[in-house]
Protein backbone atom coordinates (compact mmCIF):
# COMPACT_ATOMS: atom_id res chain seq x y z
CA UNK A 1 -206.62 51.17 77.71
CA UNK A 2 -205.06 53.81 75.49
CA UNK A 3 -207.96 56.24 76.02
CA UNK A 4 -208.19 55.35 79.72
CA UNK A 5 -204.56 56.37 80.17
CA UNK A 6 -205.24 59.96 79.15
CA UNK A 7 -208.85 60.82 79.95
CA UNK A 8 -209.58 62.17 83.43
CA UNK A 9 -213.34 62.08 83.92
CA UNK A 10 -214.07 58.40 83.33
CA UNK A 11 -216.34 58.91 80.32
CA UNK A 12 -214.11 56.98 77.90
CA UNK A 13 -213.64 60.00 75.60
CA UNK A 14 -210.77 62.46 75.25
CA UNK A 15 -211.48 66.16 75.49
CA UNK A 16 -209.30 68.51 73.47
CA UNK A 17 -207.36 69.38 76.64
CA UNK A 18 -206.74 65.68 77.38
CA UNK A 19 -205.76 65.04 73.77
CA UNK A 20 -203.36 67.99 73.91
CA UNK A 21 -201.86 66.72 77.14
CA UNK A 22 -201.33 63.35 75.48
CA UNK A 23 -199.46 64.61 72.41
CA UNK A 24 -197.70 67.75 73.60
CA UNK A 25 -194.10 67.47 74.80
CA UNK A 26 -193.58 67.61 78.58
CA UNK A 27 -190.71 70.07 78.18
CA UNK A 28 -192.18 73.57 78.53
CA UNK A 29 -189.89 75.09 75.88
CA UNK A 30 -190.94 72.55 73.24
CA UNK A 31 -194.57 72.77 74.33
CA UNK A 32 -194.38 76.56 73.86
CA UNK A 33 -193.04 76.11 70.34
CA UNK A 34 -195.98 73.92 69.38
CA UNK A 35 -198.61 76.10 71.05
CA UNK A 36 -197.15 79.29 69.59
CA UNK A 37 -197.52 78.21 65.98
CA UNK A 38 -200.28 79.34 63.72
CA UNK A 39 -202.07 77.24 61.17
CA UNK A 40 -200.35 76.51 57.86
CA UNK A 41 -203.70 77.04 56.21
CA UNK A 42 -204.45 80.74 56.54
CA UNK A 43 -208.14 80.60 55.60
CA UNK A 44 -208.84 77.94 58.24
CA UNK A 45 -210.59 75.53 55.86
CA UNK A 46 -209.04 72.24 54.91
CA UNK A 47 -210.25 68.74 54.21
CA UNK A 48 -210.40 66.55 57.32
CA UNK A 49 -207.12 64.67 57.72
CA UNK A 50 -205.18 67.10 55.54
CA UNK A 51 -204.37 69.70 58.16
CA UNK A 52 -200.65 68.85 58.32
CA UNK A 53 -197.76 68.82 55.92
CA UNK A 54 -196.90 65.27 54.81
CA UNK A 55 -193.86 64.92 57.12
CA UNK A 56 -195.81 66.24 60.11
CA UNK A 57 -198.68 63.85 59.39
CA UNK A 58 -196.21 60.96 59.22
CA UNK A 59 -194.66 61.95 62.56
CA UNK A 60 -198.10 62.34 64.14
CA UNK A 61 -199.15 58.89 62.86
CA UNK A 62 -195.97 57.36 64.30
CA UNK A 63 -196.57 59.07 67.65
CA UNK A 64 -200.09 57.65 67.96
CA UNK A 65 -198.90 54.17 66.95
CA UNK A 66 -196.07 54.35 69.48
CA UNK A 67 -198.42 55.50 72.26
CA UNK A 68 -200.73 52.57 71.54
CA UNK A 69 -197.85 50.08 71.26
CA UNK A 70 -196.31 51.33 74.51
CA UNK A 71 -199.60 50.93 76.35
CA UNK A 72 -200.05 47.41 74.95
CA UNK A 73 -196.55 46.37 75.99
CA UNK A 74 -197.01 47.91 79.43
CA UNK A 75 -200.23 45.94 79.87
CA UNK A 76 -198.47 42.75 78.83
CA UNK A 77 -195.87 43.31 81.56
CA UNK A 78 -198.55 44.16 84.12
CA UNK A 79 -200.30 40.88 83.35
CA UNK A 80 -197.09 38.85 83.58
CA UNK A 81 -196.23 40.43 86.94
CA UNK A 82 -199.75 39.78 88.24
CA UNK A 83 -199.36 36.07 87.42
CA UNK A 84 -196.05 35.74 89.26
CA UNK A 85 -196.51 34.23 92.69
CA UNK A 86 -193.28 35.82 93.93
CA UNK A 87 -194.27 39.40 93.02
CA UNK A 88 -196.02 41.53 95.63
CA UNK A 89 -197.02 45.08 94.62
CA UNK A 90 -196.99 46.23 98.25
CA UNK A 91 -193.41 45.04 98.70
CA UNK A 92 -192.43 46.68 95.41
CA UNK A 93 -193.75 50.01 96.67
CA UNK A 94 -192.03 49.53 100.04
CA UNK A 95 -188.73 48.89 98.26
CA UNK A 96 -189.01 52.29 96.55
CA UNK A 97 -190.37 54.15 99.61
CA UNK A 98 -186.99 54.05 101.33
CA UNK A 99 -188.00 56.09 104.41
CA UNK A 100 -191.42 54.48 104.93
CA UNK A 101 -193.20 57.81 104.38
CA UNK A 102 -196.25 56.22 102.79
CA UNK A 103 -195.59 58.02 99.50
CA UNK A 104 -192.81 58.09 96.93
CA UNK A 105 -190.85 60.91 95.36
CA UNK A 106 -188.91 61.30 92.16
CA UNK A 107 -185.77 60.97 94.26
CA UNK A 108 -186.99 57.66 95.70
CA UNK A 109 -187.50 56.30 92.18
CA UNK A 110 -184.06 57.53 91.01
CA UNK A 111 -182.35 55.94 94.03
CA UNK A 112 -184.21 52.66 93.60
CA UNK A 113 -183.31 52.45 89.90
CA UNK A 114 -179.65 53.18 90.67
CA UNK A 115 -179.56 50.31 93.18
CA UNK A 116 -180.78 48.06 90.34
CA UNK A 117 -178.04 49.29 88.01
CA UNK A 118 -180.34 51.39 85.82
CA UNK A 119 -179.29 54.97 85.28
CA UNK A 120 -182.30 57.08 84.39
CA UNK A 121 -182.38 60.77 83.59
CA UNK A 122 -184.56 63.17 85.55
CA UNK A 123 -186.91 63.61 82.56
CA UNK A 124 -187.29 59.82 82.24
CA UNK A 125 -188.11 59.48 85.93
CA UNK A 126 -190.52 62.43 85.68
CA UNK A 127 -192.47 60.65 82.92
CA UNK A 128 -192.88 57.55 85.06
CA UNK A 129 -193.67 59.64 88.14
CA UNK A 130 -196.39 61.50 86.22
CA UNK A 131 -198.01 58.17 85.30
CA UNK A 132 -198.12 57.10 88.93
CA UNK A 133 -199.03 60.57 90.21
CA UNK A 134 -202.05 60.87 87.97
CA UNK A 135 -203.78 63.36 90.27
CA UNK A 136 -200.70 65.62 90.53
CA UNK A 137 -200.34 65.38 94.30
CA UNK A 138 -196.51 65.29 94.07
CA UNK A 139 -196.67 62.52 96.68
CA UNK A 140 -198.20 59.41 95.12
CA UNK A 141 -199.24 56.87 97.71
CA UNK A 142 -199.17 53.09 97.61
CA UNK A 143 -202.70 52.97 96.10
CA UNK A 144 -201.55 55.19 93.21
CA UNK A 145 -198.51 53.01 92.59
CA UNK A 146 -200.53 49.79 92.71
CA UNK A 147 -203.18 51.26 90.40
CA UNK A 148 -200.45 51.80 87.79
CA UNK A 149 -199.03 48.27 88.18
CA UNK A 150 -202.33 46.38 88.18
CA UNK A 151 -203.59 45.00 84.86
CA UNK A 152 -206.16 47.28 83.24
CA UNK A 153 -208.06 44.68 81.24
CA UNK A 154 -208.91 40.98 81.10
CA UNK A 155 -207.93 40.86 77.42
CA UNK A 156 -204.77 38.77 77.14
CA UNK A 157 -201.69 40.60 75.85
CA UNK A 158 -198.60 38.65 74.83
C-alpha cells in the first residue's frame, strides 16, 4: 500500500522522481531549499546508508516510519467504513459536492469540513485534495474520491 500510494505507473516500484515527490515538502519554498543543496560529501563517494548527518538520518527514518504508519491507519479506517452498512461512498461524495457539479474542489472540501466543525487550513485541505486528485485534473470526480476511500488490500488492519 505504501508504495502504491506514490508510484504512478503500476509497476510496484518507485522511480527517483516518485520517491522525491513522496519525501519533498509540498511548499515550493521549502522544496527549493532541499533541491538547492549540494552534497555534504564533496568527493561523491560514501558508504551506502551513510549519506546524511546523524540528525538528518534520524529525521529521514522518522519520516518514512510516519508515512508507513499513516498509510496503515488510513487503510484501517477505510476497512472500518467499508464494513459499515450505513456508510455510502456515493452519498459521502454528494455531501461534499455541494453544487452537484460531478467533481469536487478544495473549496467544497473546506466548506464540508466547516459544517462538521473541523477547521482545516488550506495546506491541510490541499494535501487531502492531492490524494484524491491523483491525476492532477484539479477537478476530481466521484470515481477518484471513491478510489481513495475504498480499501486497498484484503489484509486486515486494526
